[in-house]
N, C-alpha and C. Protein backbone atom coordinates (compact mmCIF):
# COMPACT_ATOMS: atom_id res chain seq x y z
N MET A 1 50.41 -59.06 12.64
CA MET A 1 50.05 -60.00 13.31
C MET A 1 50.95 -60.09 14.50
N ARG A 2 50.45 -61.13 15.35
CA ARG A 2 51.30 -61.34 16.20
C ARG A 2 51.13 -62.80 16.76
N ILE A 3 52.15 -63.58 17.49
CA ILE A 3 52.03 -64.68 18.28
C ILE A 3 51.36 -65.26 19.39
N HIS A 4 50.89 -66.37 19.13
CA HIS A 4 49.24 -66.66 20.10
C HIS A 4 50.46 -67.36 20.90
N HIS A 5 50.92 -68.48 20.56
CA HIS A 5 51.81 -69.45 21.47
C HIS A 5 53.09 -70.17 21.18
N VAL A 6 53.94 -70.13 21.69
CA VAL A 6 54.69 -71.16 21.08
C VAL A 6 54.79 -72.39 21.63
N GLN A 7 55.15 -73.90 20.75
CA GLN A 7 55.17 -75.07 21.15
C GLN A 7 56.45 -75.78 21.50
N VAL A 8 56.75 -76.23 22.52
CA VAL A 8 57.55 -77.24 22.77
C VAL A 8 57.26 -78.46 22.41
N SER A 9 57.96 -79.21 22.96
CA SER A 9 57.94 -81.18 22.97
C SER A 9 57.88 -81.56 24.30
N CYS A 10 57.65 -82.71 24.56
CA CYS A 10 58.48 -83.20 25.48
C CYS A 10 58.36 -84.54 25.29
N PRO A 11 58.74 -85.88 26.07
CA PRO A 11 58.51 -87.06 25.77
C PRO A 11 57.56 -87.60 26.19
N PRO A 12 56.54 -88.97 26.16
CA PRO A 12 55.57 -89.17 26.52
C PRO A 12 56.00 -89.38 28.34
N GLY A 13 54.51 -88.91 28.72
CA GLY A 13 55.27 -88.83 30.73
C GLY A 13 55.54 -87.62 30.82
N GLY A 14 56.12 -86.74 30.08
CA GLY A 14 57.36 -85.61 30.70
C GLY A 14 56.63 -84.06 31.27
N GLU A 15 55.00 -85.00 31.64
CA GLU A 15 54.73 -83.60 31.78
C GLU A 15 54.82 -82.38 33.49
N ASP A 16 55.07 -83.64 34.23
CA ASP A 16 55.47 -83.07 35.47
C ASP A 16 57.05 -82.48 35.28
N LEU A 17 58.11 -82.81 34.59
CA LEU A 17 59.10 -82.15 34.59
C LEU A 17 58.80 -80.86 33.94
N ALA A 18 58.41 -80.32 32.85
CA ALA A 18 57.53 -79.54 31.94
C ALA A 18 57.12 -78.58 33.33
N ARG A 19 56.24 -78.57 33.87
CA ARG A 19 55.40 -77.95 35.23
C ARG A 19 56.55 -77.34 35.93
N ARG A 20 57.44 -78.43 36.26
CA ARG A 20 59.00 -78.20 36.77
C ARG A 20 59.48 -76.58 36.36
N PHE A 21 59.76 -76.82 35.26
CA PHE A 21 60.54 -75.70 34.30
C PHE A 21 59.57 -74.40 33.79
N TYR A 22 58.62 -74.78 33.22
CA TYR A 22 57.85 -73.72 33.09
C TYR A 22 57.27 -72.82 34.19
N GLY A 23 56.22 -73.67 34.81
CA GLY A 23 55.45 -73.38 36.00
C GLY A 23 56.38 -72.76 36.89
N GLU A 24 57.07 -73.37 37.78
CA GLU A 24 57.50 -73.07 38.93
C GLU A 24 58.62 -72.28 38.58
N GLY A 25 59.77 -72.51 37.56
CA GLY A 25 60.82 -71.69 37.11
C GLY A 25 60.82 -70.61 36.40
N LEU A 26 59.99 -70.58 35.64
CA LEU A 26 59.80 -69.29 35.13
C LEU A 26 58.67 -68.79 35.32
N GLY A 27 57.57 -69.05 36.04
CA GLY A 27 56.35 -68.81 36.93
C GLY A 27 55.52 -68.24 36.07
N LEU A 28 55.08 -69.32 35.04
CA LEU A 28 53.99 -69.03 34.00
C LEU A 28 52.62 -70.10 34.59
N PRO A 29 51.83 -69.38 35.14
CA PRO A 29 50.75 -70.55 35.43
C PRO A 29 50.01 -71.22 34.27
N GLU A 30 49.65 -72.73 34.70
CA GLU A 30 49.35 -73.19 34.32
C GLU A 30 47.79 -73.51 33.81
N VAL A 31 47.20 -73.46 32.55
CA VAL A 31 46.03 -73.10 32.54
C VAL A 31 45.13 -74.53 31.89
N PRO A 32 43.81 -75.10 32.01
CA PRO A 32 43.85 -76.16 31.64
C PRO A 32 43.21 -76.11 29.71
N LYS A 33 43.81 -77.53 29.14
CA LYS A 33 43.95 -77.45 27.82
C LYS A 33 42.69 -77.54 27.59
N PRO A 34 41.94 -77.58 26.53
CA PRO A 34 40.46 -77.48 25.96
C PRO A 34 40.00 -78.96 26.18
N PRO A 35 39.10 -79.43 26.21
CA PRO A 35 38.37 -80.48 26.75
C PRO A 35 39.30 -81.66 25.30
N ALA A 36 38.73 -81.59 24.42
CA ALA A 36 39.08 -81.76 22.98
C ALA A 36 40.49 -82.02 22.91
N LEU A 37 41.55 -81.74 23.14
CA LEU A 37 42.72 -81.58 23.34
C LEU A 37 43.40 -82.02 24.76
N ALA A 38 42.56 -82.38 25.55
CA ALA A 38 43.50 -82.55 26.97
C ALA A 38 43.83 -84.14 26.90
N THR A 39 42.93 -84.89 26.06
CA THR A 39 43.85 -86.56 25.96
C THR A 39 44.72 -86.59 25.38
N ARG A 40 45.23 -86.15 24.95
CA ARG A 40 46.54 -86.17 23.91
C ARG A 40 48.10 -85.72 25.00
N GLY A 41 47.99 -85.22 26.28
CA GLY A 41 48.70 -85.33 27.13
C GLY A 41 48.90 -83.82 27.00
N GLY A 42 50.15 -83.52 27.64
CA GLY A 42 50.74 -81.74 27.46
C GLY A 42 50.53 -81.49 28.67
N CYS A 43 50.71 -80.22 28.53
CA CYS A 43 50.50 -78.99 29.27
C CYS A 43 50.49 -77.90 28.82
N TRP A 44 49.56 -76.77 29.37
CA TRP A 44 49.49 -75.19 28.77
C TRP A 44 49.91 -74.26 29.57
N PHE A 45 50.37 -73.41 29.32
CA PHE A 45 50.99 -72.41 30.42
C PHE A 45 50.90 -70.50 29.43
N ARG A 46 50.18 -69.90 30.99
CA ARG A 46 50.07 -68.63 29.93
C ARG A 46 50.25 -67.46 31.09
N GLY A 47 51.20 -66.68 30.60
CA GLY A 47 51.40 -65.55 31.67
C GLY A 47 50.65 -65.13 31.99
N ALA A 48 50.96 -64.66 33.44
CA ALA A 48 49.51 -64.48 34.37
C ALA A 48 48.91 -63.03 34.12
N ASP A 49 49.16 -62.54 33.19
CA ASP A 49 48.60 -60.95 32.88
C ASP A 49 47.41 -61.43 31.80
N GLY A 50 47.63 -62.93 31.39
CA GLY A 50 46.36 -63.31 30.20
C GLY A 50 46.97 -63.28 28.81
N GLY A 51 47.80 -62.62 28.71
CA GLY A 51 48.35 -62.27 27.40
C GLY A 51 49.78 -62.23 27.36
N GLY A 52 50.24 -61.96 26.45
CA GLY A 52 51.69 -62.28 25.99
C GLY A 52 52.33 -63.53 25.79
N VAL A 53 52.91 -64.00 26.93
CA VAL A 53 53.09 -65.40 26.74
C VAL A 53 52.30 -66.77 26.90
N GLU A 54 52.23 -67.52 25.97
CA GLU A 54 51.49 -68.57 25.98
C GLU A 54 52.50 -69.85 25.61
N VAL A 55 52.61 -71.13 26.37
CA VAL A 55 53.70 -71.85 26.42
C VAL A 55 52.74 -73.23 25.97
N HIS A 56 53.11 -73.72 24.87
CA HIS A 56 51.84 -75.37 24.63
C HIS A 56 53.60 -76.19 24.87
N VAL A 57 53.35 -77.32 25.82
CA VAL A 57 53.92 -78.49 25.73
C VAL A 57 53.11 -79.74 25.23
N GLY A 58 53.47 -80.09 24.22
CA GLY A 58 52.95 -81.25 23.83
C GLY A 58 53.89 -82.52 24.01
N VAL A 59 52.94 -83.65 23.92
CA VAL A 59 54.00 -85.09 24.01
C VAL A 59 54.33 -85.63 22.81
N GLU A 60 55.39 -85.94 22.02
CA GLU A 60 55.81 -86.51 21.31
C GLU A 60 56.25 -87.90 21.50
N THR A 61 56.09 -88.77 20.35
CA THR A 61 56.69 -90.16 20.46
C THR A 61 57.58 -90.22 19.48
N GLY A 62 58.90 -90.54 20.43
CA GLY A 62 60.09 -90.40 19.42
C GLY A 62 60.65 -89.32 19.62
N PHE A 63 60.35 -88.49 20.69
CA PHE A 63 60.91 -87.23 20.98
C PHE A 63 62.48 -86.91 21.00
N THR A 64 62.59 -85.70 20.49
CA THR A 64 64.47 -85.41 20.54
C THR A 64 64.27 -83.90 20.90
N PRO A 65 64.88 -83.61 22.00
CA PRO A 65 64.56 -82.08 22.13
C PRO A 65 65.06 -80.89 21.06
N ALA A 66 64.63 -79.83 21.06
CA ALA A 66 65.66 -78.64 20.01
C ALA A 66 66.48 -78.16 20.70
N ARG A 67 67.06 -78.10 20.17
CA ARG A 67 68.84 -77.65 20.81
C ARG A 67 69.36 -76.17 20.18
N LYS A 68 69.04 -76.38 18.90
CA LYS A 68 69.24 -75.16 18.65
C LYS A 68 67.63 -73.98 18.37
N ALA A 69 66.77 -74.33 17.61
CA ALA A 69 65.35 -73.53 17.60
C ALA A 69 64.70 -73.52 18.96
N HIS A 70 64.56 -72.03 19.12
CA HIS A 70 64.07 -71.88 20.44
C HIS A 70 62.75 -71.00 21.17
N PRO A 71 62.22 -70.91 21.62
CA PRO A 71 61.15 -69.49 21.98
C PRO A 71 62.26 -68.58 22.83
N ALA A 72 62.03 -67.36 23.04
CA ALA A 72 63.02 -66.36 23.48
C ALA A 72 61.72 -65.47 24.60
N PHE A 73 61.96 -65.47 25.69
CA PHE A 73 60.94 -64.96 26.21
C PHE A 73 62.06 -63.46 26.65
N LEU A 74 61.08 -62.19 26.52
CA LEU A 74 61.61 -61.05 27.05
C LEU A 74 61.08 -60.72 28.54
N LEU A 75 61.89 -60.81 29.71
CA LEU A 75 61.49 -60.33 30.59
C LEU A 75 61.58 -58.54 31.28
N GLU A 76 61.11 -58.31 32.07
CA GLU A 76 60.54 -56.92 32.00
C GLU A 76 61.78 -55.79 32.72
N ASP A 77 62.89 -56.78 33.32
CA ASP A 77 63.97 -55.89 33.44
C ASP A 77 65.50 -56.96 34.01
N GLY A 78 66.44 -56.55 34.11
CA GLY A 78 67.63 -57.20 34.07
C GLY A 78 67.04 -57.71 35.53
N ALA A 79 66.74 -57.26 36.52
CA ALA A 79 66.21 -57.58 37.91
C ALA A 79 65.66 -58.93 37.85
N ALA A 80 64.25 -59.06 36.95
CA ALA A 80 63.48 -60.16 36.78
C ALA A 80 64.48 -61.13 36.12
N LEU A 81 65.45 -61.07 35.47
CA LEU A 81 66.36 -62.18 34.67
C LEU A 81 67.03 -62.64 35.47
N ASP A 82 67.93 -61.81 36.38
CA ASP A 82 68.51 -62.43 37.45
C ASP A 82 67.74 -63.45 38.21
N ALA A 83 66.90 -62.87 38.39
CA ALA A 83 66.00 -63.59 40.04
C ALA A 83 65.24 -65.12 38.94
N THR A 84 65.28 -64.85 37.40
CA THR A 84 64.42 -66.09 36.90
C THR A 84 65.52 -67.14 36.68
N GLY A 85 66.71 -66.71 36.41
CA GLY A 85 68.20 -67.51 36.24
C GLY A 85 68.27 -68.28 38.05
N VAL A 86 68.09 -67.65 38.98
CA VAL A 86 68.75 -68.05 40.20
C VAL A 86 67.70 -69.24 40.56
N ARG A 87 66.44 -68.63 40.49
CA ARG A 87 65.47 -69.50 41.04
C ARG A 87 65.51 -71.04 39.98
N LEU A 88 65.66 -70.87 38.24
CA LEU A 88 66.19 -72.06 37.70
C LEU A 88 67.34 -72.63 37.98
N GLU A 89 67.96 -71.93 38.22
CA GLU A 89 69.01 -73.03 39.13
C GLU A 89 69.16 -73.31 40.33
N ARG A 90 68.06 -72.87 41.17
CA ARG A 90 67.77 -73.35 42.54
C ARG A 90 67.16 -74.86 42.15
N LEU A 91 66.50 -74.83 41.10
CA LEU A 91 65.44 -75.97 40.53
C LEU A 91 66.35 -77.04 40.03
N GLY A 92 67.78 -76.80 39.71
CA GLY A 92 68.70 -77.91 39.50
C GLY A 92 68.38 -77.23 37.74
N PHE A 93 68.21 -76.45 36.84
CA PHE A 93 68.22 -76.29 35.68
C PHE A 93 69.73 -75.83 35.60
N VAL A 94 70.50 -76.06 34.71
CA VAL A 94 71.36 -75.20 34.04
C VAL A 94 70.89 -73.92 33.09
N VAL A 95 71.93 -73.01 33.96
CA VAL A 95 71.68 -71.89 33.11
C VAL A 95 72.66 -71.51 32.27
N ASP A 96 73.22 -70.97 30.89
CA ASP A 96 74.13 -70.97 30.60
C ASP A 96 74.29 -69.46 30.13
N ARG A 97 75.14 -68.60 30.77
CA ARG A 97 75.39 -66.99 30.54
C ARG A 97 76.36 -66.63 29.87
N THR A 98 77.09 -67.83 28.96
CA THR A 98 78.03 -67.51 28.48
C THR A 98 78.11 -66.47 27.09
N GLU A 99 76.32 -66.24 26.79
CA GLU A 99 76.37 -65.17 25.57
C GLU A 99 75.56 -64.06 25.88
N GLU A 100 75.97 -64.16 27.31
CA GLU A 100 74.95 -62.86 28.41
C GLU A 100 75.06 -61.59 27.52
N HIS A 101 75.92 -61.32 26.83
CA HIS A 101 76.71 -59.75 26.31
C HIS A 101 76.57 -59.81 24.80
N THR A 102 76.21 -60.84 24.08
CA THR A 102 76.23 -60.77 22.70
C THR A 102 75.25 -60.46 21.81
N PHE A 103 74.31 -59.91 22.42
CA PHE A 103 72.83 -59.50 21.64
C PHE A 103 72.79 -58.17 22.06
N PRO A 104 73.41 -57.19 21.16
CA PRO A 104 73.40 -55.46 21.49
C PRO A 104 72.12 -55.05 22.09
N GLY A 105 72.01 -53.97 23.02
CA GLY A 105 70.87 -53.81 23.60
C GLY A 105 70.25 -54.75 24.88
N HIS A 106 70.51 -56.00 25.37
CA HIS A 106 70.13 -56.87 25.65
C HIS A 106 71.00 -57.80 26.35
N ARG A 107 70.72 -58.08 27.77
CA ARG A 107 71.39 -59.11 28.51
C ARG A 107 70.50 -60.46 28.12
N ARG A 108 70.90 -61.72 28.00
CA ARG A 108 70.23 -62.37 28.56
C ARG A 108 71.25 -63.57 28.50
N PHE A 109 70.46 -65.30 28.63
CA PHE A 109 71.13 -66.25 28.90
C PHE A 109 69.96 -67.66 28.17
N HIS A 110 70.45 -68.51 28.19
CA HIS A 110 69.96 -69.51 27.57
C HIS A 110 69.60 -70.71 28.99
N ALA A 111 69.04 -71.39 28.92
CA ALA A 111 68.43 -72.63 29.83
C ALA A 111 67.66 -73.65 28.89
N ALA A 112 68.36 -75.05 29.16
CA ALA A 112 67.62 -75.95 29.08
C ALA A 112 66.39 -76.48 30.03
N ASP A 113 64.99 -76.42 29.25
CA ASP A 113 63.97 -77.18 30.11
C ASP A 113 64.54 -78.89 30.30
N GLY A 114 64.23 -79.28 31.18
CA GLY A 114 63.78 -79.90 31.74
C GLY A 114 63.85 -81.33 30.76
N HIS A 115 63.72 -81.28 29.23
CA HIS A 115 63.78 -81.88 28.14
C HIS A 115 64.86 -81.81 27.78
N GLY A 116 65.92 -81.03 28.01
CA GLY A 116 66.62 -80.45 26.71
C GLY A 116 66.21 -79.87 25.52
N ASN A 117 64.62 -78.70 25.68
CA ASN A 117 64.66 -77.93 24.84
C ASN A 117 65.66 -76.94 25.15
N ARG A 118 65.86 -75.71 23.82
CA ARG A 118 66.53 -74.50 24.53
C ARG A 118 65.81 -73.50 24.57
N VAL A 119 65.94 -72.73 25.65
CA VAL A 119 65.21 -71.58 26.10
C VAL A 119 65.77 -70.49 26.22
N GLU A 120 65.30 -69.03 25.57
CA GLU A 120 66.29 -67.75 25.88
C GLU A 120 65.07 -67.00 26.80
N LEU A 121 65.99 -66.37 27.71
CA LEU A 121 65.32 -65.34 28.53
C LEU A 121 66.34 -64.22 28.51
N LEU A 122 65.83 -62.83 28.02
CA LEU A 122 66.33 -61.76 28.02
C LEU A 122 65.90 -60.67 28.28
N ALA A 123 66.18 -59.13 28.72
CA ALA A 123 66.09 -58.10 29.21
C ALA A 123 66.42 -57.47 28.43
N VAL A 124 66.17 -56.19 28.26
CA VAL A 124 66.53 -55.08 27.47
C VAL A 124 67.63 -54.12 28.46
N PHE A 125 68.63 -53.69 28.48
CA PHE A 125 69.19 -52.67 29.10
C PHE A 125 69.79 -51.29 28.04
């Protein structure tokens, strides 16, 4: 068994901010939603290699951000982790490095996507 995708939510009209975080910030290319699902709004992102990472951002009326539950994305190495953190900060997202060395064998940070959903990024060291 493996994970096909993770889904996070955004409020109605929140797709552009999701594109900024997941597309520009994390570097995940946006992929078209199937026509039967496209009418629901939201946007999908998939790792450039076509596998591994897929994020679906769904529109949720009465949206509340996930502040504890979160996806965790494993990056290639510490350099990629650092570059992603810098890119997110340059785009105006808050990067929290207070738990950088609290997970043995890894470096990590947390960021809130544009809607306040918690996202973890980590690398093995």
